Amino acid sequence: MDGYGISVKADPGQTATLTFVVDKPGSFRLRCNVTCGAMHPFMIGKLHVGPNTWLYRSIGLALIGLLSIFIFAGRKNLTPGT
């Protein structure tokens, strides 16, 4: 993958997996780096990486949950008539 200096060998008919951490959103070019046949120049692709909004949503949801627990616990400790 251009910009990251990583590669994976994919044998014909087999699935190959590559795991890595992308530190910035954007579009990244993929290309075959081994001359493998007549269609080699056309073996290109693009990986689109968006911002990690799931992380921010999860943190917000956890904070809302904690806040609601504190509010509920505070109401439960109140005694009527005081």
PDB file of N, CA and C in Angstrom:
ATOM      1  N   MET A   1       0.845  -1.160   0.000  1.00  0.00           N
ATOM      2  CA  MET A   1       0.000   0.000   0.000  1.00  0.00           C
ATOM      3  C   MET A   1       0.897   1.232   0.000  1.00  0.00           C
ATOM      4  N   ASP A   2       0.654   2.077  -0.956  1.00  0.00           N
ATOM      5  CA  ASP A   2       1.460   3.287  -1.091  1.00  0.00           C
ATOM      6  C   ASP A   2       1.329   4.150   0.162  1.00  0.00           C
ATOM      7  N   GLY A   3       2.426   4.652   0.646  1.00  0.00           N
ATOM      8  CA  GLY A   3       2.432   5.512   1.811  1.00  0.00           C
ATOM      9  C   GLY A   3       2.625   4.783   3.124  1.00  0.00           C
ATOM     10  N   TYR A   4       2.461   3.473   3.120  1.00  0.00           N
ATOM     11  CA  TYR A   4       2.636   2.706   4.351  1.00  0.00           C
ATOM     12  C   TYR A   4       3.748   1.672   4.246  1.00  0.00           C
ATOM     13  N   GLY A   5       4.212   1.373   3.057  1.00  0.00           N
ATOM     14  CA  GLY A   5       5.316   0.439   2.877  1.00  0.00           C
ATOM     15  C   GLY A   5       4.993  -0.976   3.316  1.00  0.00           C
ATOM     16  N   ILE A   6       3.742  -1.412   3.115  1.00  0.00           N
ATOM     17  CA  ILE A   6       3.351  -2.769   3.483  1.00  0.00           C
ATOM     18  C   ILE A   6       2.835  -3.499   2.259  1.00  0.00           C
ATOM     19  N   SER A   7       2.930  -4.821   2.287  1.00  0.00           N
ATOM     20  CA  SER A   7       2.412  -5.622   1.184  1.00  0.00           C
ATOM     21  C   SER A   7       2.024  -6.989   1.716  1.00  0.00           C
ATOM     22  N   VAL A   8       1.278  -7.724   0.921  1.00  0.00           N
ATOM     23  CA  VAL A   8       0.852  -9.075   1.269  1.00  0.00           C
ATOM     24  C   VAL A   8       0.882  -9.919   0.001  1.00  0.00           C
ATOM     25  N   LYS A   9       1.255 -11.181   0.133  1.00  0.00           N
ATOM     26  CA  LYS A   9       1.278 -12.083  -1.011  1.00  0.00           C
ATOM     27  C   LYS A   9      -0.072 -12.775  -1.104  1.00  0.00           C
ATOM     28  N   ALA A  10      -0.698 -12.686  -2.258  1.00  0.00           N
ATOM     29  CA  ALA A  10      -1.996 -13.309  -2.497  1.00  0.00           C
ATOM     30  C   ALA A  10      -1.834 -14.336  -3.608  1.00  0.00           C
ATOM     31  N   ASP A  11      -1.952 -15.610  -3.264  1.00  0.00           N
ATOM     32  CA  ASP A  11      -1.868 -16.678  -4.253  1.00  0.00           C
ATOM     33  C   ASP A  11      -3.189 -16.791  -4.999  1.00  0.00           C
ATOM     34  N   PRO A  12      -3.156 -17.196  -6.290  1.00  0.00           N
ATOM     35  CA  PRO A  12      -4.391 -17.317  -7.075  1.00  0.00           C
ATOM     36  C   PRO A  12      -5.395 -18.256  -6.400  1.00  0.00           C
ATOM     37  N   GLY A  13      -6.626 -17.793  -6.296  1.00  0.00           N
ATOM     38  CA  GLY A  13      -7.693 -18.592  -5.719  1.00  0.00           C
ATOM     39  C   GLY A  13      -7.699 -18.639  -4.202  1.00  0.00           C
ATOM     40  N   GLN A  14      -6.788 -17.959  -3.556  1.00  0.00           N
ATOM     41  CA  GLN A  14      -6.695 -17.971  -2.096  1.00  0.00           C
ATOM     42  C   GLN A  14      -6.970 -16.567  -1.545  1.00  0.00           C
ATOM     43  N   THR A  15      -7.480 -16.536  -0.345  1.00  0.00           N
ATOM     44  CA  THR A  15      -7.738 -15.265   0.325  1.00  0.00           C
ATOM     45  C   THR A  15      -6.536 -14.886   1.176  1.00  0.00           C
ATOM     46  N   ALA A  16      -6.135 -13.652   1.089  1.00  0.00           N
ATOM     47  CA  ALA A  16      -5.040 -13.136   1.917  1.00  0.00           C
ATOM     48  C   ALA A  16      -5.585 -11.992   2.765  1.00  0.00           C
ATOM     49  N   THR A  17      -5.117 -11.906   3.988  1.00  0.00           N
ATOM     50  CA  THR A  17      -5.576 -10.869   4.911  1.00  0.00           C
ATOM     51  C   THR A  17      -4.397 -10.034   5.373  1.00  0.00           C
ATOM     52  N   LEU A  18      -4.615  -8.751   5.432  1.00  0.00           N
ATOM     53  CA  LEU A  18      -3.594  -7.820   5.900  1.00  0.00           C
ATOM     54  C   LEU A  18      -4.246  -6.903   6.928  1.00  0.00           C
ATOM     55  N   THR A  19      -3.676  -6.841   8.110  1.00  0.00           N
ATOM     56  CA  THR A  19      -4.201  -5.992   9.170  1.00  0.00           C
ATOM     57  C   THR A  19      -3.174  -4.916   9.494  1.00  0.00           C
ATOM     58  N   PHE A  20      -3.629  -3.671   9.531  1.00  0.00           N
ATOM     59  CA  PHE A  20      -2.744  -2.565   9.871  1.00  0.00           C
ATOM     60  C   PHE A  20      -3.581  -1.417  10.404  1.00  0.00           C
ATOM     61  N   VAL A  21      -2.936  -0.475  11.039  1.00  0.00           N
ATOM     62  CA  VAL A  21      -3.618   0.681  11.611  1.00  0.00           C
ATOM     63  C   VAL A  21      -3.375   1.885  10.714  1.00  0.00           C
ATOM     64  N   VAL A  22      -4.462   2.489  10.281  1.00  0.00           N
ATOM     65  CA  VAL A  22      -4.383   3.703   9.470  1.00  0.00           C
ATOM     66  C   VAL A  22      -4.516   4.882  10.424  1.00  0.00           C
ATOM     67  N   ASP A  23      -3.542   5.771  10.406  1.00  0.00           N
ATOM     68  CA  ASP A  23      -3.526   6.878  11.362  1.00  0.00           C
ATOM     69  C   ASP A  23      -4.137   8.171  10.837  1.00  0.00           C
ATOM     70  N   LYS A  24      -4.670   8.130   9.627  1.00  0.00           N
ATOM     71  CA  LYS A  24      -5.295   9.334   9.079  1.00  0.00           C
ATOM     72  C   LYS A  24      -6.351   8.932   8.055  1.00  0.00           C
ATOM     73  N   PRO A  25      -7.453   9.695   7.973  1.00  0.00           N
ATOM     74  CA  PRO A  25      -8.457   9.405   6.961  1.00  0.00           C
ATOM     75  C   PRO A  25      -7.982   9.843   5.586  1.00  0.00           C
ATOM     76  N   GLY A  26      -8.566   9.254   4.561  1.00  0.00           N
ATOM     77  CA  GLY A  26      -8.223   9.621   3.197  1.00  0.00           C
ATOM     78  C   GLY A  26      -8.395   8.455   2.250  1.00  0.00           C
ATOM     79  N   SER A  27      -7.906   8.598   1.040  1.00  0.00           N
ATOM     80  CA  SER A  27      -7.944   7.544   0.030  1.00  0.00           C
ATOM     81  C   SER A  27      -6.526   7.077  -0.236  1.00  0.00           C
ATOM     82  N   PHE A  28      -6.346   5.773  -0.257  1.00  0.00           N
ATOM     83  CA  PHE A  28      -5.028   5.188  -0.440  1.00  0.00           C
ATOM     84  C   PHE A  28      -5.055   4.249  -1.638  1.00  0.00           C
ATOM     85  N   ARG A  29      -4.051   4.354  -2.479  1.00  0.00           N
ATOM     86  CA  ARG A  29      -3.956   3.532  -3.683  1.00  0.00           C
ATOM     87  C   ARG A  29      -3.373   2.161  -3.367  1.00  0.00           C
ATOM     88  N   LEU A  30      -3.929   1.152  -4.011  1.00  0.00           N
ATOM     89  CA  LEU A  30      -3.419  -0.212  -3.944  1.00  0.00           C
ATOM     90  C   LEU A  30      -2.956  -0.596  -5.337  1.00  0.00           C
ATOM     91  N   ARG A  31      -1.896  -1.358  -5.420  1.00  0.00           N
ATOM     92  CA  ARG A  31      -1.464  -1.847  -6.732  1.00  0.00           C
ATOM     93  C   ARG A  31      -0.687  -3.135  -6.553  1.00  0.00           C
ATOM     94  N   CYS A  32      -0.742  -3.967  -7.558  1.00  0.00           N
ATOM     95  CA  CYS A  32       0.035  -5.201  -7.563  1.00  0.00           C
ATOM     96  C   CYS A  32       1.492  -4.824  -7.809  1.00  0.00           C
ATOM     97  N   ASN A  33       2.397  -5.333  -6.969  1.00  0.00           N
ATOM     98  CA  ASN A  33       3.802  -4.970  -7.138  1.00  0.00           C
ATOM     99  C   ASN A  33       4.647  -6.122  -7.670  1.00  0.00           C
ATOM    100  N   VAL A  34       3.990  -7.180  -8.178  1.00  0.00           N
ATOM    101  CA  VAL A  34       4.690  -8.309  -8.789  1.00  0.00           C
ATOM    102  C   VAL A  34       4.141  -8.484 -10.199  1.00  0.00           C
ATOM    103  N   THR A  35       5.017  -8.515 -11.184  1.00  0.00           N
ATOM    104  CA  THR A  35       4.561  -8.738 -12.558  1.00  0.00           C
ATOM    105  C   THR A  35       3.999 -10.150 -12.646  1.00  0.00           C
ATOM    106  N   CYS A  36       2.689 -10.241 -12.842  1.00  0.00           N
ATOM    107  CA  CYS A  36       2.019 -11.531 -12.719  1.00  0.00           C
ATOM    108  C   CYS A  36       1.300 -11.972 -13.988  1.00  0.00           C
ATOM    109  N   GLY A  37       1.286 -11.175 -15.006  1.00  0.00           N
ATOM    110  CA  GLY A  37       0.616 -11.573 -16.234  1.00  0.00           C
ATOM    111  C   GLY A  37       0.233 -10.375 -17.072  1.00  0.00           C
ATOM    112  N   ALA A  38      -0.556 -10.659 -18.106  1.00  0.00           N
ATOM    113  CA  ALA A  38      -0.922  -9.623 -19.073  1.00  0.00           C
ATOM    114  C   ALA A  38      -1.786  -8.521 -18.452  1.00  0.00           C
ATOM    115  N   MET A  39      -2.579  -8.849 -17.450  1.00  0.00           N
ATOM    116  CA  MET A  39      -3.470  -7.856 -16.841  1.00  0.00           C
ATOM    117  C   MET A  39      -2.831  -7.144 -15.636  1.00  0.00           C
ATOM    118  N   HIS A  40      -1.545  -7.370 -15.425  1.00  0.00           N
ATOM    119  CA  HIS A  40      -0.846  -6.780 -14.277  1.00  0.00           C
ATOM    120  C   HIS A  40      -0.997  -5.256 -14.179  1.00  0.00           C
ATOM    121  N   PRO A  41      -0.879  -4.500 -15.274  1.00  0.00           N
ATOM    122  CA  PRO A  41      -0.991  -3.037 -15.148  1.00  0.00           C
ATOM    123  C   PRO A  41      -2.367  -2.565 -14.665  1.00  0.00           C
ATOM    124  N   PHE A  42      -3.373  -3.433 -14.763  1.00  0.00           N
ATOM    125  CA  PHE A  42      -4.732  -3.041 -14.391  1.00  0.00           C
ATOM    126  C   PHE A  42      -5.118  -3.521 -12.990  1.00  0.00           C
ATOM    127  N   MET A  43      -4.184  -4.106 -12.272  1.00  0.00           N
ATOM    128  CA  MET A  43      -4.462  -4.612 -10.921  1.00  0.00           C
ATOM    129  C   MET A  43      -4.194  -3.503  -9.907  1.00  0.00           C
ATOM    130  N   ILE A  44      -5.150  -2.580  -9.838  1.00  0.00           N
ATOM    131  CA  ILE A  44      -5.041  -1.437  -8.936  1.00  0.00           C
ATOM    132  C   ILE A  44      -6.328  -1.330  -8.127  1.00  0.00           C
ATOM    133  N   GLY A  45      -6.290  -0.581  -7.069  1.00  0.00           N
ATOM    134  CA  GLY A  45      -7.475  -0.372  -6.252  1.00  0.00           C
ATOM    135  C   GLY A  45      -7.310   0.846  -5.375  1.00  0.00           C
ATOM    136  N   LYS A  46      -8.346   1.119  -4.608  1.00  0.00           N
ATOM    137  CA  LYS A  46      -8.321   2.272  -3.719  1.00  0.00           C
ATOM    138  C   LYS A  46      -9.016   1.886  -2.417  1.00  0.00           C
ATOM    139  N   LEU A  47      -8.411   2.251  -1.304  1.00  0.00           N
ATOM    140  CA  LEU A  47      -8.984   2.034   0.021  1.00  0.00           C
ATOM    141  C   LEU A  47      -9.415   3.391   0.571  1.00  0.00           C
ATOM    142  N   HIS A  48     -10.693   3.502   0.910  1.00  0.00           N
ATOM    143  CA  HIS A  48     -11.217   4.753   1.470  1.00  0.00           C
ATOM    144  C   HIS A  48     -11.323   4.599   2.982  1.00  0.00           C
ATOM    145  N   VAL A  49     -10.714   5.507   3.712  1.00  0.00           N
ATOM    146  CA  VAL A  49     -10.737   5.490   5.176  1.00  0.00           C
ATOM    147  C   VAL A  49     -11.388   6.775   5.654  1.00  0.00           C
ATOM    148  N   GLY A  50     -12.453   6.628   6.438  1.00  0.00           N
ATOM    149  CA  GLY A  50     -13.144   7.786   6.987  1.00  0.00           C
ATOM    150  C   GLY A  50     -12.729   8.029   8.426  1.00  0.00           C
ATOM    151  N   PRO A  51     -13.188   9.119   9.005  1.00  0.00           N
ATOM    152  CA  PRO A  51     -12.867   9.403  10.405  1.00  0.00           C
ATOM    153  C   PRO A  51     -13.514   8.374  11.325  1.00  0.00           C
ATOM    154  N   ASN A  52     -12.923   8.173  12.474  1.00  0.00           N
ATOM    155  CA  ASN A  52     -13.388   7.170  13.426  1.00  0.00           C
ATOM    156  C   ASN A  52     -14.531   7.732  14.262  1.00  0.00           C
ATOM    157  N   THR A  53     -15.704   7.888  13.650  1.00  0.00           N
ATOM    158  CA  THR A  53     -16.843   8.454  14.372  1.00  0.00           C
ATOM    159  C   THR A  53     -17.435   7.465  15.361  1.00  0.00           C
ATOM    160  N   TRP A  54     -17.246   6.175  15.153  1.00  0.00           N
ATOM    161  CA  TRP A  54     -17.779   5.180  16.098  1.00  0.00           C
ATOM    162  C   TRP A  54     -17.156   5.366  17.475  1.00  0.00           C
ATOM    163  N   LEU A  55     -15.890   5.700  17.536  1.00  0.00           N
ATOM    164  CA  LEU A  55     -15.227   5.926  18.822  1.00  0.00           C
ATOM    165  C   LEU A  55     -15.882   7.086  19.559  1.00  0.00           C
ATOM    166  N   TYR A  56     -16.081   8.192  18.874  1.00  0.00           N
ATOM    167  CA  TYR A  56     -16.674   9.366  19.506  1.00  0.00           C
ATOM    168  C   TYR A  56     -18.124   9.107  19.905  1.00  0.00           C
ATOM    169  N   ARG A  57     -18.854   8.387  19.081  1.00  0.00           N
ATOM    170  CA  ARG A  57     -20.241   8.052  19.417  1.00  0.00           C
ATOM    171  C   ARG A  57     -20.295   7.149  20.646  1.00  0.00           C
ATOM    172  N   SER A  58     -19.405   6.186  20.721  1.00  0.00           N
ATOM    173  CA  SER A  58     -19.370   5.265  21.862  1.00  0.00           C
ATOM    174  C   SER A  58     -19.035   6.003  23.153  1.00  0.00           C
ATOM    175  N   ILE A  59     -18.078   6.906  23.097  1.00  0.00           N
ATOM    176  CA  ILE A  59     -17.720   7.690  24.283  1.00  0.00           C
ATOM    177  C   ILE A  59     -18.905   8.549  24.724  1.00  0.00           C
ATOM    178  N   GLY A  60     -19.567   9.192  23.786  1.00  0.00           N
ATOM    179  CA  GLY A  60     -20.735  10.011  24.110  1.00  0.00           C
ATOM    180  C   GLY A  60     -21.857   9.191  24.723  1.00  0.00           C
ATOM    181  N   LEU A  61     -22.111   8.014  24.164  1.00  0.00           N
ATOM    182  CA  LEU A  61     -23.158   7.145  24.697  1.00  0.00           C
ATOM    183  C   LEU A  61     -22.815   6.670  26.108  1.00  0.00           C
ATOM    184  N   ALA A  62     -21.553   6.346  26.349  1.00  0.00           N
ATOM    185  CA  ALA A  62     -21.124   5.922  27.687  1.00  0.00           C
ATOM    186  C   ALA A  62     -21.294   7.063  28.690  1.00  0.00           C
ATOM    187  N   LEU A  63     -20.950   8.284  28.295  1.00  0.00           N
ATOM    188  CA  LEU A  63     -21.109   9.432  29.195  1.00  0.00           C
ATOM    189  C   LEU A  63     -22.580   9.706  29.498  1.00  0.00           C
ATOM    190  N   ILE A  64     -23.435   9.582  28.506  1.00  0.00           N
ATOM    191  CA  ILE A  64     -24.874   9.763  28.732  1.00  0.00           C
ATOM    192  C   ILE A  64     -25.394   8.688  29.677  1.00  0.00           C
ATOM    193  N   GLY A  65     -24.928   7.456  29.503  1.00  0.00           N
ATOM    194  CA  GLY A  65     -25.334   6.370  30.394  1.00  0.00           C
ATOM    195  C   GLY A  65     -24.905   6.618  31.827  1.00  0.00           C
ATOM    196  N   LEU A  66     -23.665   7.050  32.022  1.00  0.00           N
ATOM    197  CA  LEU A  66     -23.185   7.351  33.376  1.00  0.00           C
ATOM    198  C   LEU A  66     -23.965   8.502  34.002  1.00  0.00           C
ATOM    199  N   LEU A  67     -24.237   9.522  33.225  1.00  0.00           N
ATOM    200  CA  LEU A  67     -25.000  10.662  33.727  1.00  0.00           C
ATOM    201  C   LEU A  67     -26.399  10.235  34.147  1.00  0.00           C
ATOM    202  N   SER A  68     -27.047   9.398  33.355  1.00  0.00           N
ATOM    203  CA  SER A  68     -28.394   8.944  33.706  1.00  0.00           C
ATOM    204  C   SER A  68     -28.374   8.066  34.957  1.00  0.00           C
ATOM    205  N   ILE A  69     -27.324   7.275  35.153  1.00  0.00           N
ATOM    206  CA  ILE A  69     -27.206   6.467  36.377  1.00  0.00           C
ATOM    207  C   ILE A  69     -27.084   7.374  37.595  1.00  0.00           C
ATOM    208  N   PHE A  70     -26.261   8.414  37.508  1.00  0.00           N
ATOM    209  CA  PHE A  70     -26.107   9.343  38.627  1.00  0.00           C
ATOM    210  C   PHE A  70     -27.407  10.085  38.925  1.00  0.00           C
ATOM    211  N   ILE A  71     -28.119  10.498  37.899  1.00  0.00           N
ATOM    212  CA  ILE A  71     -29.391  11.202  38.099  1.00  0.00           C
ATOM    213  C   ILE A  71     -30.404  10.269  38.749  1.00  0.00           C
ATOM    214  N   PHE A  72     -30.509   9.044  38.261  1.00  0.00           N
ATOM    215  CA  PHE A  72     -31.454   8.075  38.812  1.00  0.00           C
ATOM    216  C   PHE A  72     -31.103   7.737  40.257  1.00  0.00           C
ATOM    217  N   ALA A  73     -29.828   7.549  40.559  1.00  0.00           N
ATOM    218  CA  ALA A  73     -29.397   7.236  41.923  1.00  0.00           C
ATOM    219  C   ALA A  73     -29.667   8.413  42.857  1.00  0.00           C
ATOM    220  N   GLY A  74     -29.490   9.625  42.384  1.00  0.00           N
ATOM    221  CA  GLY A  74     -29.762  10.809  43.200  1.00  0.00           C
ATOM    222  C   GLY A  74     -31.236  10.958  43.517  1.00  0.00           C
ATOM    223  N   ARG A  75     -32.105  10.640  42.590  1.00  0.00           N
ATOM    224  CA  ARG A  75     -33.549  10.727  42.823  1.00  0.00           C
ATOM    225  C   ARG A  75     -34.018   9.630  43.774  1.00  0.00           C
ATOM    226  N   LYS A  76     -33.397   8.485  43.710  1.00  0.00           N
ATOM    227  CA  LYS A  76     -33.792   7.359  44.547  1.00  0.00           C
ATOM    228  C   LYS A  76     -33.462   7.631  46.017  1.00  0.00           C
ATOM    229  N   ASN A  77     -32.403   8.375  46.291  1.00  0.00           N
ATOM    230  CA  ASN A  77     -31.987   8.669  47.659  1.00  0.00           C
ATOM    231  C   ASN A  77     -32.815   9.775  48.308  1.00  0.00           C
ATOM    232  N   LEU A  78     -33.591  10.519  47.538  1.00  0.00           N
ATOM    233  CA  LEU A  78     -34.434  11.570  48.107  1.00  0.00           C
ATOM    234  C   LEU A  78     -35.602  10.929  48.845  1.00  0.00           C
ATOM    235  N   THR A  79     -35.895  11.426  50.020  1.00  0.00           N
ATOM    236  CA  THR A  79     -37.046  10.920  50.771  1.00  0.00           C
ATOM    237  C   THR A  79     -38.206  11.881  50.591  1.00  0.00           C
ATOM    238  N   PRO A  80     -39.430  11.366  50.504  1.00  0.00           N
ATOM    239  CA  PRO A  80     -40.580  12.249  50.310  1.00  0.00           C
ATOM    240  C   PRO A  80     -40.812  13.138  51.538  1.00  0.00           C
ATOM    241  N   GLY A  81     -41.223  14.346  51.309  1.00  0.00           N
ATOM    242  CA  GLY A  81     -41.557  15.272  52.379  1.00  0.00           C
ATOM    243  C   GLY A  81     -40.382  16.075  52.906  1.00  0.00           C
ATOM    244  N   THR A  82     -39.197  15.957  52.323  1.00  0.00           N
ATOM    245  CA  THR A  82     -38.060  16.736  52.810  1.00  0.00           C
ATOM    246  C   THR A  82     -37.660  17.758  51.800  1.00  0.00           C
TER     247      THR A  82
END
